[in-house]
């Protein structure tokens, strides 16, 4: 039996990932051209050149995908998921996701569009840690593979959405037979993988603890990176200031989007307690970081440590709370998985 060399395995997986993202870019472009929000200058989104037209949320989404595809290209060239060029592309994509996802407002519940698929996809991406690991320089082949799966799933969602959009709408003026009552109107939902978009939208009407954890994790990773530069170049280094700014973007998204008062009002008591804890940590961290110009390296290190401890504490409490409502046999399987994950978080 001929065994593939490690570099051949990496090359093959990355090549498939590039193809997947290229297919996704085509699907997104087709979806936008079929709707009301057409990107007029697609080439500028893919090449990174300045566009003469205002940047729309849809164009920003396409640029994020292009940056992620570029990370795969860099990984293919370097033969590694942790190469500096891959890390840079991942950081650029993560920064765009952190800025765009909190600002993307959903459409009215009665008007579902492909934009809702984009918004849900960004939330899925924010809730995962794969892009964060790549941006930290700790990415592996598995992280690239998961991002490729994310792109593949999104392509499938868009294809299903386009089929629904293309279906003829029933006439509103059809006569109703006198002998029979009118049939109830059944609203069509846009499929989004294993759950429908409507189901996901319903869950997003309340506070999203996993999304909040994603924001805290993103902030923590940026502060850890800032620490690395602060020890070498000082607190006023642009690298430090930029990463502190990215952390603040994460916290603003957490407070002003995922955990707004109307979002956490209907949460169960135990989840509301975690949401309040996340808000308190976010606000405290945000106020402390506002004095970055006069902060010492040790003070920044303390903020980074507190943020990471809070994220880990909330993550554990949330997962344990969720498993408490599972059947006993399912609880045993999940708790075993949690223990492995916790050990990786602690020693990784």
Protein backbone atom coordinates (compact mmCIF):
# COMPACT_ATOMS: atom_id res chain seq x y z
CA UNK A 1 0.00 0.00 0.00
CA UNK A 2 1.32 3.45 -0.95
CA UNK A 3 1.01 5.96 1.89
CA UNK A 4 0.62 9.63 1.04
CA UNK A 5 3.26 11.96 2.42
CA UNK A 6 2.05 14.62 4.92
CA UNK A 7 2.67 17.44 2.45
CA UNK A 8 0.56 15.62 -0.15
CA UNK A 9 -2.31 15.27 2.33
CA UNK A 10 -2.15 18.99 3.13
CA UNK A 11 -1.96 19.92 -0.55
CA UNK A 12 -4.93 17.74 -1.48
CA UNK A 13 -7.15 19.00 1.34
CA UNK A 14 -6.28 22.64 0.69
CA UNK A 15 -6.86 22.23 -3.04
CA UNK A 16 -10.34 20.88 -2.33
CA UNK A 17 -10.96 23.76 0.07
CA UNK A 18 -10.01 26.34 -2.57
CA UNK A 19 -12.41 24.71 -5.03
CA UNK A 20 -15.17 24.71 -2.41
CA UNK A 21 -14.74 28.42 -1.69
CA UNK A 22 -14.67 29.19 -5.41
CA UNK A 23 -17.98 27.39 -5.80
CA UNK A 24 -19.37 29.31 -2.82
CA UNK A 25 -18.30 32.64 -4.34
CA UNK A 26 -20.17 31.72 -7.50
CA UNK A 27 -23.26 30.77 -5.51
CA UNK A 28 -23.22 33.99 -3.50
CA UNK A 29 -22.78 36.04 -6.66
CA UNK A 30 -25.70 34.29 -8.37
CA UNK A 31 -27.89 34.80 -5.30
CA UNK A 32 -27.12 38.49 -5.13
CA UNK A 33 -27.65 39.02 -8.86
CA UNK A 34 -31.03 37.30 -8.60
CA UNK A 35 -32.15 39.57 -5.75
CA UNK A 36 -32.52 43.29 -5.13
CA UNK A 37 -28.97 43.84 -3.80
CA UNK A 38 -26.71 43.13 -6.79
CA UNK A 39 -22.97 43.68 -6.40
CA UNK A 40 -22.03 46.00 -9.24
CA UNK A 41 -18.30 45.65 -8.84
CA UNK A 42 -17.61 42.03 -8.00
CA UNK A 43 -14.02 42.17 -9.25
CA UNK A 44 -13.07 44.78 -6.65
CA UNK A 45 -14.40 42.52 -3.88
CA UNK A 46 -12.21 39.64 -5.01
CA UNK A 47 -9.06 41.63 -5.81
CA UNK A 48 -9.14 43.94 -2.80
CA UNK A 49 -9.01 47.06 -4.97
CA UNK A 50 -10.96 50.13 -3.97
CA UNK A 51 -14.53 50.25 -5.19
CA UNK A 52 -16.22 53.40 -6.39
CA UNK A 53 -19.58 52.20 -5.10
CA UNK A 54 -20.53 52.26 -1.38
CA UNK A 55 -19.74 49.02 0.45
CA UNK A 56 -22.89 47.04 1.18
CA UNK A 57 -23.38 44.27 3.73
CA UNK A 58 -23.61 41.78 0.87
CA UNK A 59 -20.36 43.00 -0.68
CA UNK A 60 -18.64 42.78 2.70
CA UNK A 61 -19.84 39.18 3.02
CA UNK A 62 -18.32 38.32 -0.34
CA UNK A 63 -15.05 39.98 0.64
CA UNK A 64 -14.93 37.84 3.80
CA UNK A 65 -15.32 34.70 1.70
CA UNK A 66 -12.59 35.93 -0.67
CA UNK A 67 -10.22 36.48 2.28
CA UNK A 68 -10.89 32.98 3.58
CA UNK A 69 -10.23 31.53 0.14
CA UNK A 70 -6.98 33.52 0.05
CA UNK A 71 -5.98 31.88 3.34
CA UNK A 72 -6.39 28.48 1.68
CA UNK A 73 -4.25 29.61 -1.24
CA UNK A 74 -1.52 30.75 1.17
CA UNK A 75 -1.75 27.42 3.02
CA UNK A 76 -1.28 25.57 -0.26
CA UNK A 77 1.79 27.65 -1.12
CA UNK A 78 3.35 27.29 2.35
CA UNK A 79 2.22 23.72 3.01
CA UNK A 80 1.10 24.73 6.51
CA UNK A 81 -1.99 26.08 8.27
CA UNK A 82 0.13 28.20 10.63
CA UNK A 83 2.30 30.01 8.06
CA UNK A 84 2.53 33.82 8.61
CA UNK A 85 0.66 34.57 5.37
CA UNK A 86 -2.19 32.25 6.40
CA UNK A 87 -2.34 33.87 9.83
CA UNK A 88 -2.51 37.35 8.25
CA UNK A 89 -5.36 36.41 5.92
CA UNK A 90 -7.25 34.74 8.77
CA UNK A 91 -6.83 37.84 10.93
CA UNK A 92 -8.17 40.05 8.16
CA UNK A 93 -11.18 37.78 7.72
CA UNK A 94 -11.79 37.59 11.48
CA UNK A 95 -11.62 41.36 11.76
CA UNK A 96 -14.19 41.76 9.00
CA UNK A 97 -16.51 39.19 10.57
CA UNK A 98 -16.22 40.94 13.96
CA UNK A 99 -17.18 44.27 12.40
CA UNK A 100 -19.87 43.13 9.98
CA UNK A 101 -21.80 40.44 11.85
CA UNK A 102 -23.00 42.61 14.80
CA UNK A 103 -24.11 45.37 12.40
CA UNK A 104 -26.08 43.07 10.07
CA UNK A 105 -29.74 43.59 10.90
CA UNK A 106 -32.21 40.80 10.12
CA UNK A 107 -35.09 41.33 7.74
CA UNK A 108 -38.67 41.36 9.09
CA UNK A 109 -39.83 37.87 10.00
CA UNK A 110 -42.41 37.95 7.21
CA UNK A 111 -39.80 38.80 4.56
CA UNK A 112 -37.11 36.15 4.34
CA UNK A 113 -34.32 36.70 1.83
CA UNK A 114 -30.94 35.23 0.98
CA UNK A 115 -29.49 37.94 3.24
CA UNK A 116 -30.84 35.95 6.18
CA UNK A 117 -28.78 32.99 4.99
CA UNK A 118 -25.69 35.22 4.95
CA UNK A 119 -26.45 36.56 8.43
CA UNK A 120 -26.95 33.07 9.85
CA UNK A 121 -23.74 31.89 8.19
CA UNK A 122 -21.77 34.72 9.82
CA UNK A 123 -23.23 33.78 13.20
CA UNK A 124 -22.19 30.17 12.66
CA UNK A 125 -18.70 31.34 11.73
CA UNK A 126 -18.47 33.63 14.77
CA UNK A 127 -19.62 30.87 17.12
CA UNK A 128 -16.87 28.51 15.90
CA UNK A 129 -13.24 28.76 16.99
CA UNK A 130 -11.65 27.51 13.76
CA UNK A 131 -11.04 30.95 12.24
CA UNK A 132 -9.85 32.27 15.61
CA UNK A 133 -7.25 29.50 15.88
CA UNK A 134 -5.94 30.27 12.40
CA UNK A 135 -5.73 33.98 13.27
CA UNK A 136 -3.78 33.14 16.43
CA UNK A 137 -1.26 31.08 14.49
CA UNK A 138 -2.43 27.87 16.18
CA UNK A 139 -4.43 26.59 13.21
CA UNK A 140 -4.28 22.99 12.07
CA UNK A 141 -5.39 20.97 9.09
CA UNK A 142 -8.60 20.16 10.96
CA UNK A 143 -9.46 23.87 11.27
CA UNK A 144 -9.02 24.36 7.52
CA UNK A 145 -11.15 21.28 6.89
CA UNK A 146 -13.96 22.60 9.12
CA UNK A 147 -13.93 25.97 7.34
CA UNK A 148 -14.16 24.13 4.04
CA UNK A 149 -17.19 22.23 5.38
CA UNK A 150 -18.72 25.55 6.46
CA UNK A 151 -18.36 26.86 2.90
CA UNK A 152 -19.79 23.63 1.46
CA UNK A 153 -22.82 23.80 3.78
CA UNK A 154 -23.43 27.43 2.87
CA UNK A 155 -23.32 26.61 -0.84
CA UNK A 156 -25.98 23.96 -0.25
CA UNK A 157 -28.16 26.41 1.71
CA UNK A 158 -27.97 28.98 -1.08
CA UNK A 159 -28.93 26.40 -3.71
CA UNK A 160 -32.00 25.36 -1.70
CA UNK A 161 -32.92 28.99 -1.07
CA UNK A 162 -32.74 29.82 -4.76
CA UNK A 163 -35.13 26.95 -5.55
CA UNK A 164 -37.66 28.27 -3.04
CA UNK A 165 -37.34 31.84 -4.33
CA UNK A 166 -37.88 30.59 -7.89
CA UNK A 167 -41.11 28.77 -7.01
CA UNK A 168 -44.23 30.46 -8.48
CA UNK A 169 -46.30 32.25 -5.90
CA UNK A 170 -50.01 31.35 -5.68
CA UNK A 171 -52.43 33.97 -6.96
CA UNK A 172 -54.14 36.00 -4.27
CA UNK A 173 -57.30 36.29 -6.37
CA UNK A 174 -58.09 32.61 -6.75
CA UNK A 175 -61.80 32.03 -6.00
CA UNK A 176 -62.60 29.94 -2.95
CA UNK A 177 -65.21 27.22 -3.56
CA UNK A 178 -68.37 27.91 -1.58
CA UNK A 179 -68.59 24.33 -0.36
CA UNK A 180 -65.19 24.26 1.27
CA UNK A 181 -63.28 26.45 3.65
CA UNK A 182 -60.04 28.05 2.46
CA UNK A 183 -56.90 26.08 3.07
CA UNK A 184 -54.65 27.49 5.76
CA UNK A 185 -51.68 29.45 4.39
CA UNK A 186 -48.45 27.66 5.14
CA UNK A 187 -45.43 29.93 5.12
CA UNK A 188 -42.36 28.64 3.35
CA UNK A 189 -39.12 28.56 5.29
CA UNK A 190 -35.65 28.81 3.87
CA UNK A 191 -33.70 25.61 4.70
CA UNK A 192 -30.42 26.15 6.50
CA UNK A 193 -28.76 22.76 6.80
CA UNK A 194 -30.06 20.58 9.64
CA UNK A 195 -32.47 23.27 10.92
CA UNK A 196 -34.60 25.78 9.04
CA UNK A 197 -33.75 29.47 9.02
CA UNK A 198 -37.03 30.19 10.80
CA UNK A 199 -35.99 27.87 13.64
CA UNK A 200 -32.63 29.60 13.90
CA UNK A 201 -34.25 33.03 13.72
CA UNK A 202 -36.56 32.06 16.56
CA UNK A 203 -33.61 31.11 18.73
CA UNK A 204 -31.85 34.36 17.83
CA UNK A 205 -34.79 36.38 19.17
CA UNK A 206 -33.41 35.56 22.62
CA UNK A 207 -29.90 36.06 23.90
CA UNK A 208 -27.30 33.97 22.10
CA UNK A 209 -24.90 32.66 24.74
CA UNK A 210 -22.71 30.77 22.21
CA UNK A 211 -22.45 33.97 20.15
CA UNK A 212 -21.47 35.91 23.28
CA UNK A 213 -18.84 33.27 23.99
CA UNK A 214 -17.55 33.73 20.46
CA UNK A 215 -17.16 37.46 21.09
CA UNK A 216 -15.38 36.89 24.41
CA UNK A 217 -13.14 34.28 22.78
CA UNK A 218 -12.31 36.66 19.93
CA UNK A 219 -11.50 39.45 22.41
CA UNK A 220 -9.37 37.10 24.48
CA UNK A 221 -7.39 35.97 21.45
CA UNK A 222 -6.77 39.59 20.40
CA UNK A 223 -5.56 40.50 23.90
CA UNK A 224 -3.21 37.51 23.93
CA UNK A 225 -1.79 38.67 20.62
CA UNK A 226 -1.52 42.24 21.96
CA UNK A 227 0.46 40.94 24.92
CA UNK A 228 2.99 39.31 22.60
CA UNK A 229 3.68 42.63 20.86
CA UNK A 230 3.47 44.70 24.05
CA UNK A 231 6.35 42.80 25.65
CA UNK A 232 8.48 43.34 22.57
CA UNK A 233 7.49 46.77 21.22
CA UNK A 234 5.74 48.51 24.12
CA UNK A 235 2.14 49.44 24.86
CA UNK A 236 1.97 52.20 22.23
CA UNK A 237 2.90 49.87 19.37
CA UNK A 238 0.36 50.00 16.53
CA UNK A 239 0.12 46.21 16.72
CA UNK A 240 -1.01 46.49 20.35
CA UNK A 241 -3.43 49.35 19.71
CA UNK A 242 -4.98 47.61 16.68
CA UNK A 243 -5.61 44.40 18.61
CA UNK A 244 -7.07 46.22 21.58
CA UNK A 245 -9.37 47.97 19.10
CA UNK A 246 -10.44 44.61 17.63
CA UNK A 247 -11.18 43.37 21.14
CA UNK A 248 -13.38 46.44 21.72
CA UNK A 249 -15.21 45.66 18.47
CA UNK A 250 -15.95 42.19 19.82
CA UNK A 251 -17.29 43.57 23.11
CA UNK A 252 -19.46 46.15 21.35
CA UNK A 253 -21.00 43.39 19.25
CA UNK A 254 -21.69 41.32 22.37
CA UNK A 255 -23.38 44.17 24.25
CA UNK A 256 -25.22 45.90 21.43
CA UNK A 257 -26.38 42.90 19.40
CA UNK A 258 -26.34 39.47 21.05
CA UNK A 259 -27.15 40.43 24.65
CA UNK A 260 -29.38 43.49 24.33
CA UNK A 261 -32.06 43.69 27.11
CA UNK A 262 -34.84 42.56 24.77
CA UNK A 263 -32.69 39.58 23.72
CA UNK A 264 -32.11 38.19 27.22
CA UNK A 265 -35.53 38.98 28.72
CA UNK A 266 -37.09 35.66 27.71
CA UNK A 267 -34.08 33.47 28.58
CA UNK A 268 -34.41 30.77 31.25
CA UNK A 269 -33.17 31.94 34.65
CA UNK A 270 -29.91 29.99 34.48
CA UNK A 271 -29.06 31.30 31.00
CA UNK A 272 -30.02 34.85 31.96
CA UNK A 273 -27.55 34.63 34.84
CA UNK A 274 -24.78 33.69 32.38
CA UNK A 275 -25.81 36.50 30.03
CA UNK A 276 -25.61 39.04 32.87
CA UNK A 277 -22.19 37.69 33.84
CA UNK A 278 -20.97 38.04 30.25
CA UNK A 279 -22.32 41.60 30.06
CA UNK A 280 -20.66 42.58 33.33
CA UNK A 281 -17.33 41.16 32.19
CA UNK A 282 -17.65 42.84 28.80
CA UNK A 283 -18.41 46.27 30.25
CA UNK A 284 -15.68 46.00 32.86
CA UNK A 285 -13.13 44.97 30.23
CA UNK A 286 -14.25 47.68 27.84
CA UNK A 287 -13.88 50.42 30.46
CA UNK A 288 -10.47 49.12 31.53
CA UNK A 289 -9.22 49.02 27.93
CA UNK A 290 -10.25 52.62 27.31
CA UNK A 291 -7.17 53.70 29.28
CA UNK A 292 -4.80 51.68 27.07
CA UNK A 293 -2.60 54.79 26.51
CA UNK A 294 -1.60 54.87 30.19
CA UNK A 295 -1.77 51.12 30.82
CA UNK A 296 1.20 48.97 31.76
CA UNK A 297 2.01 45.60 30.24
CA UNK A 298 1.14 43.89 33.54
CA UNK A 299 -2.27 45.57 33.61
CA UNK A 300 -3.01 44.42 30.07
CA UNK A 301 -1.94 40.92 31.03
CA UNK A 302 -4.39 40.99 33.95
CA UNK A 303 -7.26 42.01 31.67
CA UNK A 304 -6.38 39.22 29.22
CA UNK A 305 -6.31 36.66 32.04
CA UNK A 306 -9.65 37.83 33.49
CA UNK A 307 -11.34 37.71 30.07
CA UNK A 308 -10.11 34.18 29.37
CA UNK A 309 -11.16 32.93 32.83
CA UNK A 310 -14.65 34.39 32.45
CA UNK A 311 -15.08 32.91 28.97
CA UNK A 312 -14.06 29.47 30.18
CA UNK A 313 -16.32 29.72 33.23
CA UNK A 314 -19.37 30.77 31.19
CA UNK A 315 -18.68 28.10 28.56
CA UNK A 316 -18.54 25.33 31.17
CA UNK A 317 -21.67 26.55 32.96
CA UNK A 318 -23.63 26.88 29.70
CA UNK A 319 -22.73 23.41 28.43
CA UNK A 320 -23.47 21.81 31.81
CA UNK A 321 -26.79 23.66 31.96
CA UNK A 322 -27.75 22.39 28.51
CA UNK A 323 -26.85 18.81 29.33
CA UNK A 324 -28.94 18.84 32.52
CA UNK A 325 -32.05 18.68 30.33
CA UNK A 326 -30.89 15.68 28.28
CA UNK A 327 -31.83 12.03 28.92
CA UNK A 328 -29.37 10.25 31.28
CA UNK A 329 -27.69 8.21 28.51
CA UNK A 330 -27.20 11.32 26.39
CA UNK A 331 -25.86 13.23 29.41
CA UNK A 332 -23.17 10.60 29.94
CA UNK A 333 -21.95 10.88 26.35
CA UNK A 334 -21.93 14.67 26.36
CA UNK A 335 -20.18 14.98 29.72
CA UNK A 336 -17.41 12.70 28.51
CA UNK A 337 -16.96 14.99 25.52
CA UNK A 338 -17.00 18.06 27.78
CA UNK A 339 -14.23 16.65 29.94
CA UNK A 340 -12.02 16.12 26.91
CA UNK A 341 -12.77 19.63 25.63
CA UNK A 342 -12.08 21.17 29.04
CA UNK A 343 -8.73 19.42 29.29
CA UNK A 344 -7.78 20.76 25.86
CA UNK A 345 -8.84 24.28 26.91
CA UNK A 346 -6.83 24.06 30.12
CA UNK A 347 -3.65 22.49 28.72
CA UNK A 348 -3.85 23.60 25.08
